[in-house]
Amino acid sequence: MVTKVKRLFIDGDYGQIHLRAVRPTLPTKRPLLCLHMFPQSGRNFESFLNEADAERIVVAPDFPGYGESCSPPEQIAASDYARSIWQVVDTLGLLESHASVDMFGVHAGAKLATEVARQRPRDVNSMVLSSAAVLYPQELEQLKKAFYPVALDESGTRFTKLWKLLIHNQGPGQTLEMLSNHLAEILRSGEYYEWGHYAVYEFNQRFPDVLSSLNHPIALLNPKDDLYEMTPRTLEYLNNGKLYDYPNWGQGFIEVNAADVFKEVRMRLEQMEPVPKVDSKADWSN
């Protein structure tokens, strides 16, 4: 299959930010930002982007320190990762043809999407959030024990641990090749591969308050992954949201079911608010 996904680099606070994008000639709907989980990259959305129609620009950035984006010199916070997304929006001129953007975030990307919206609420229209779970303190501690940096050694303990974790969380239809690609994305981040999780661990304390402060329409997707039982709690903090269960989807569902997921995300966005058509297009030339 010939990919229609283009890869770009823009300048950010910590060096270049890498992104994947589908850019129709004359988009008629709001741009869609896709925010990946940690410690992964926008590569998770490659198949999803290839299913995109001609109605909207779809962009999947790599957060700083992940994929091919440059790493920050030191640990950064959730608010810093969120600001990097606004740098993508502003550099690409995504608000030039529409007054706001939509977002699709998964796991950590879903939580960071809420911080993105908190920073510039008028520039966000609607959000589709997958596995955006409110965690109890003991559950957060369990995650910290599962996702921690493993020092390099000659026996390859880090690689073995990461592979076993990927196998443990393997979703329906997720192939070993898909898992090997996930492992490769984790290893790209070198010694800092868990920095993103650190930021989200800290953000978990503020996550319910951030959710409660937002009035944006939110579709909360709940595939049957490791956060399946915890995600419904998020409903308590949504001012304008609805939960959708997907018991047949699991970890890696975006890659396994790319066409169906794109249709589902598009449908949820359209259900939340119709998007007016425009005659202009964003100019990304530099």
Protein backbone atom coordinates (compact mmCIF):
# COMPACT_ATOMS: atom_id res chain seq x y z
CA MET A 1 0.00 0.00 0.00
CA VAL A 2 1.24 3.46 -0.93
CA THR A 3 1.11 5.65 2.15
CA LYS A 4 -0.49 9.10 1.99
CA VAL A 5 1.16 10.08 5.26
CA LYS A 6 3.80 12.80 5.04
CA ARG A 7 6.51 13.26 7.65
CA LEU A 8 7.66 16.70 8.75
CA PHE A 9 9.90 18.41 11.28
CA ILE A 10 9.18 21.73 12.98
CA ASP A 11 11.15 23.71 15.54
CA GLY A 12 10.14 23.41 19.20
CA ASP A 13 11.42 24.48 22.59
CA TYR A 14 13.66 21.42 22.89
CA GLY A 15 14.76 21.10 19.28
CA GLN A 16 12.87 19.68 16.35
CA ILE A 17 9.48 18.02 16.70
CA HIS A 18 8.74 15.20 14.28
CA LEU A 19 5.22 14.57 13.06
CA ARG A 20 3.16 12.55 10.63
CA ALA A 21 0.35 14.23 8.75
CA VAL A 22 -2.32 13.75 6.13
CA ARG A 23 -3.09 17.03 4.37
CA PRO A 24 -5.99 17.09 1.90
CA THR A 25 -5.99 19.94 -0.59
CA LEU A 26 -9.18 21.55 0.63
CA PRO A 27 -10.15 20.35 4.13
CA THR A 28 -13.73 21.11 5.13
CA LYS A 29 -13.59 20.03 8.78
CA ARG A 30 -11.48 20.91 11.75
CA PRO A 31 -7.93 19.53 11.95
CA LEU A 32 -7.53 16.44 14.15
CA LEU A 33 -4.53 16.05 16.45
CA CYS A 34 -3.59 12.50 17.50
CA LEU A 35 -1.66 12.20 20.77
CA HIS A 36 0.22 8.98 21.47
CA MET A 37 0.77 6.98 24.65
CA PHE A 38 4.12 6.72 26.45
CA PRO A 39 6.71 5.47 25.78
CA GLN A 40 5.58 5.27 22.15
CA SER A 41 5.32 7.75 19.26
CA GLY A 42 3.05 9.00 16.52
CA ARG A 43 3.96 5.85 14.61
CA ASN A 44 1.07 4.22 16.50
CA PHE A 45 -1.28 6.28 14.30
CA GLU A 46 0.34 5.47 10.93
CA SER A 47 -2.42 3.08 9.80
CA PHE A 48 -5.09 5.36 11.28
CA LEU A 49 -3.79 8.32 9.27
CA ASN A 50 -3.82 6.26 6.10
CA GLU A 51 -7.56 5.72 6.62
CA ALA A 52 -8.21 9.45 6.85
CA ASP A 53 -10.66 10.90 4.34
CA ALA A 54 -10.28 14.13 2.37
CA GLU A 55 -12.32 16.18 4.83
CA ARG A 56 -9.73 17.10 7.43
CA ILE A 57 -6.04 17.50 8.16
CA VAL A 58 -4.88 14.79 10.60
CA VAL A 59 -1.60 15.24 12.46
CA ALA A 60 0.22 12.84 14.81
CA PRO A 61 3.24 14.50 16.47
CA ASP A 62 5.96 12.74 18.44
CA PHE A 63 6.13 14.25 21.92
CA PRO A 64 9.56 15.69 22.83
CA GLY A 65 11.97 12.83 23.54
CA TYR A 66 9.89 10.23 21.69
CA GLY A 67 9.93 8.92 18.15
CA GLU A 68 12.16 11.21 16.13
CA SER A 69 11.55 14.36 18.18
CA CYS A 70 14.50 15.87 20.03
CA SER A 71 14.77 15.19 23.75
CA PRO A 72 14.54 17.92 26.39
CA PRO A 73 17.74 18.40 28.40
CA GLU A 74 15.99 17.41 31.62
CA GLN A 75 12.71 15.98 32.90
CA ILE A 76 9.73 18.10 31.83
CA ALA A 77 6.14 18.31 33.09
CA ALA A 78 2.79 17.47 31.48
CA SER A 79 2.27 21.19 30.83
CA ASP A 80 5.51 21.26 28.79
CA TYR A 81 4.45 18.31 26.66
CA ALA A 82 1.12 20.05 26.09
CA ARG A 83 2.85 23.27 25.00
CA SER A 84 4.75 21.29 22.38
CA ILE A 85 1.40 20.40 20.80
CA TRP A 86 0.46 24.06 20.55
CA GLN A 87 3.81 24.69 18.85
CA VAL A 88 2.76 22.15 16.23
CA VAL A 89 -0.65 23.80 15.81
CA ASP A 90 0.77 27.29 15.50
CA THR A 91 3.68 26.39 13.21
CA LEU A 92 1.44 24.48 10.81
CA GLY A 93 -1.18 27.23 10.88
CA LEU A 94 -3.95 24.80 11.78
CA LEU A 95 -6.13 27.59 13.17
CA GLU A 96 -5.98 29.65 9.98
CA SER A 97 -8.81 27.82 8.23
CA HIS A 98 -10.77 26.81 11.34
CA ALA A 99 -11.19 28.47 14.71
CA SER A 100 -10.28 25.36 16.68
CA VAL A 101 -8.93 21.81 16.50
CA ASP A 102 -10.22 18.41 17.57
CA MET A 103 -8.10 15.88 19.45
CA PHE A 104 -7.84 12.10 19.70
CA GLY A 105 -5.65 10.95 22.59
CA VAL A 106 -4.78 7.48 23.84
CA HIS A 107 -3.68 6.56 27.41
CA ALA A 108 -1.12 9.22 28.41
CA GLY A 109 -1.95 11.09 25.21
CA ALA A 110 -5.58 11.27 26.33
CA LYS A 111 -4.61 12.80 29.66
CA LEU A 112 -2.24 15.24 28.01
CA ALA A 113 -5.04 16.25 25.61
CA THR A 114 -6.96 17.61 28.59
CA GLU A 115 -3.96 19.75 29.57
CA VAL A 116 -3.68 20.95 25.98
CA ALA A 117 -7.33 22.03 26.16
CA ARG A 118 -6.86 23.64 29.58
CA GLN A 119 -4.04 25.81 28.28
CA ARG A 120 -6.01 27.23 25.34
CA PRO A 121 -9.65 26.20 25.76
CA ARG A 122 -11.03 28.40 22.98
CA ASP A 123 -8.73 26.75 20.44
CA VAL A 124 -10.11 23.24 21.10
CA ASN A 125 -13.48 22.05 19.86
CA SER A 126 -14.06 18.40 20.82
CA MET A 127 -12.01 15.49 22.13
CA VAL A 128 -12.08 11.73 21.75
CA LEU A 129 -10.16 10.21 24.66
CA SER A 130 -9.29 6.52 24.91
CA SER A 131 -8.35 4.87 28.23
CA ALA A 132 -8.26 8.19 30.08
CA ALA A 133 -8.55 6.61 33.51
CA VAL A 134 -8.85 8.26 36.90
CA LEU A 135 -6.51 6.23 39.10
CA TYR A 136 -6.61 5.56 42.82
CA PRO A 137 -3.30 6.03 44.68
CA GLN A 138 -2.67 2.30 45.05
CA GLU A 139 -3.27 1.76 41.33
CA LEU A 140 -0.85 4.52 40.46
CA GLU A 141 1.76 2.87 42.67
CA GLN A 142 1.24 -0.41 40.83
CA LEU A 143 1.81 1.34 37.51
CA LYS A 144 4.98 2.92 38.84
CA LYS A 145 6.24 -0.55 39.74
CA ALA A 146 5.42 -1.85 36.25
CA PHE A 147 6.81 1.12 34.29
CA TYR A 148 10.19 2.10 35.65
CA PRO A 149 13.54 2.60 33.91
CA VAL A 150 15.72 -0.50 33.77
CA ALA A 151 19.47 0.03 33.62
CA LEU A 152 21.37 -1.41 30.69
CA ASP A 153 23.40 -4.53 31.35
CA GLU A 154 25.17 -7.17 29.28
CA SER A 155 22.39 -9.70 29.77
CA GLY A 156 19.81 -7.41 28.14
CA THR A 157 17.51 -7.18 31.18
CA ARG A 158 15.90 -3.98 29.90
CA PHE A 159 14.98 -5.53 26.55
CA THR A 160 13.65 -8.71 28.12
CA LYS A 161 11.52 -6.81 30.63
CA LEU A 162 10.05 -4.50 27.99
CA TRP A 163 9.28 -7.39 25.63
CA LYS A 164 7.57 -9.39 28.38
CA LEU A 165 5.49 -6.33 29.30
CA LEU A 166 4.40 -5.89 25.69
CA ILE A 167 3.47 -9.58 25.46
CA HIS A 168 1.57 -9.37 28.76
CA ASN A 169 -0.55 -6.46 27.48
CA GLN A 170 -0.94 -7.83 23.94
CA GLY A 171 -4.38 -7.02 22.56
CA PRO A 172 -6.61 -9.05 20.23
CA GLY A 173 -5.14 -9.14 16.74
CA GLN A 174 -1.90 -7.46 17.78
CA THR A 175 0.91 -9.27 15.96
CA LEU A 176 4.45 -9.90 17.10
CA GLU A 177 5.62 -7.56 14.34
CA MET A 178 3.45 -4.80 15.80
CA LEU A 179 4.91 -5.45 19.23
CA SER A 180 8.44 -5.39 17.85
CA ASN A 181 7.71 -1.96 16.33
CA HIS A 182 6.49 -0.80 19.74
CA LEU A 183 9.69 -2.05 21.32
CA ALA A 184 11.74 -0.18 18.73
CA GLU A 185 9.88 3.06 19.51
CA ILE A 186 10.55 2.65 23.22
CA LEU A 187 14.25 2.11 22.61
CA ARG A 188 14.51 5.29 20.53
CA SER A 189 14.27 7.33 23.74
CA GLY A 190 17.42 5.83 25.23
CA GLU A 191 17.95 6.40 28.94
CA TYR A 192 14.99 8.77 29.14
CA TYR A 193 12.28 6.44 27.89
CA GLU A 194 10.23 6.72 31.08
CA TRP A 195 10.30 10.52 31.38
CA GLY A 196 6.84 10.76 29.85
CA HIS A 197 5.40 8.37 32.42
CA TYR A 198 7.00 10.42 35.20
CA ALA A 199 5.19 13.51 33.94
CA VAL A 200 1.86 11.69 33.73
CA TYR A 201 2.30 10.20 37.21
CA GLU A 202 2.57 13.75 38.55
CA PHE A 203 -0.28 14.97 36.37
CA ASN A 204 -2.58 12.25 37.73
CA GLN A 205 -2.98 14.30 40.90
CA ARG A 206 -4.42 17.21 38.89
CA PHE A 207 -6.20 15.20 36.21
CA PRO A 208 -9.67 15.13 37.86
CA ASP A 209 -9.56 18.89 38.50
CA VAL A 210 -8.44 19.58 34.92
CA LEU A 211 -11.28 17.42 33.60
CA SER A 212 -13.79 19.22 35.81
CA SER A 213 -12.64 22.59 34.49
CA LEU A 214 -13.35 21.68 30.85
CA ASN A 215 -16.69 22.20 29.11
CA HIS A 216 -15.63 20.70 25.79
CA PRO A 217 -17.62 17.80 24.34
CA ILE A 218 -15.71 14.60 25.16
CA ALA A 219 -16.25 11.08 23.87
CA LEU A 220 -14.58 8.65 26.26
CA LEU A 221 -13.59 5.39 24.53
CA ASN A 222 -13.11 2.32 26.69
CA PRO A 223 -11.36 -0.57 24.91
CA LYS A 224 -10.69 -3.66 26.98
CA ASP A 225 -7.08 -2.98 27.90
CA ASP A 226 -5.33 -2.67 31.25
CA LEU A 227 -7.39 0.45 32.13
CA TYR A 228 -10.79 -0.98 31.18
CA GLU A 229 -12.15 -1.14 34.73
CA MET A 230 -10.78 2.28 35.72
CA THR A 231 -11.77 4.44 32.74
CA PRO A 232 -15.53 4.68 33.58
CA ARG A 233 -14.64 6.61 36.76
CA THR A 234 -13.69 9.53 34.54
CA LEU A 235 -17.36 10.13 33.75
CA GLU A 236 -17.83 11.59 37.24
CA TYR A 237 -15.59 14.53 36.28
CA LEU A 238 -16.91 15.24 32.78
CA ASN A 239 -19.18 18.25 32.31
CA ASN A 240 -20.04 17.33 28.73
CA GLY A 241 -19.05 13.74 28.05
CA LYS A 242 -20.20 10.23 27.27
CA LEU A 243 -18.63 6.78 27.68
CA TYR A 244 -18.46 4.18 24.89
CA ASP A 245 -17.41 0.60 25.65
CA TYR A 246 -15.43 -1.47 23.14
CA PRO A 247 -14.98 -4.91 24.74
CA ASN A 248 -13.67 -6.41 21.48
CA TRP A 249 -10.81 -3.93 21.23
CA GLY A 250 -7.66 -4.06 23.34
CA GLN A 251 -4.10 -2.78 23.40
CA GLY A 252 -2.98 -1.78 19.90
CA PHE A 253 -6.58 -1.43 18.67
CA ILE A 254 -5.72 1.61 16.55
CA GLU A 255 -3.30 -0.43 14.43
CA VAL A 256 -5.37 -3.61 14.37
CA ASN A 257 -8.67 -1.91 13.52
CA ALA A 258 -7.46 1.27 11.82
CA ALA A 259 -10.36 1.66 9.39
CA ASP A 260 -13.02 1.00 12.02
CA VAL A 261 -11.32 3.25 14.56
CA PHE A 262 -11.11 6.15 12.11
CA LYS A 263 -14.81 5.76 11.28
CA GLU A 264 -15.65 5.60 14.98
CA VAL A 265 -13.62 8.69 15.87
CA ARG A 266 -15.12 10.59 12.95
CA MET A 267 -18.62 9.57 13.99
CA ARG A 268 -18.10 10.60 17.63
CA LEU A 269 -16.75 13.99 16.57
CA GLU A 270 -19.69 14.54 14.23
CA GLN A 271 -22.17 13.49 16.93
CA MET A 272 -20.75 15.98 19.39
CA GLU A 273 -20.97 18.97 17.10
CA PRO A 274 -21.45 19.45 13.36
CA VAL A 275 -18.50 21.18 11.74
CA PRO A 276 -19.20 24.01 9.26
CA LYS A 277 -17.55 23.88 5.87
CA VAL A 278 -15.04 26.51 4.76
CA ASP A 279 -13.53 27.49 1.43
CA SER A 280 -10.03 28.31 2.63
CA LYS A 281 -7.07 26.06 3.27
CA ALA A 282 -4.00 26.30 5.48
CA ASP A 283 -0.70 27.13 3.75
CA TRP A 284 2.09 24.97 5.15
CA SER A 285 4.79 26.21 2.83
CA ASN A 286 7.95 27.54 4.46
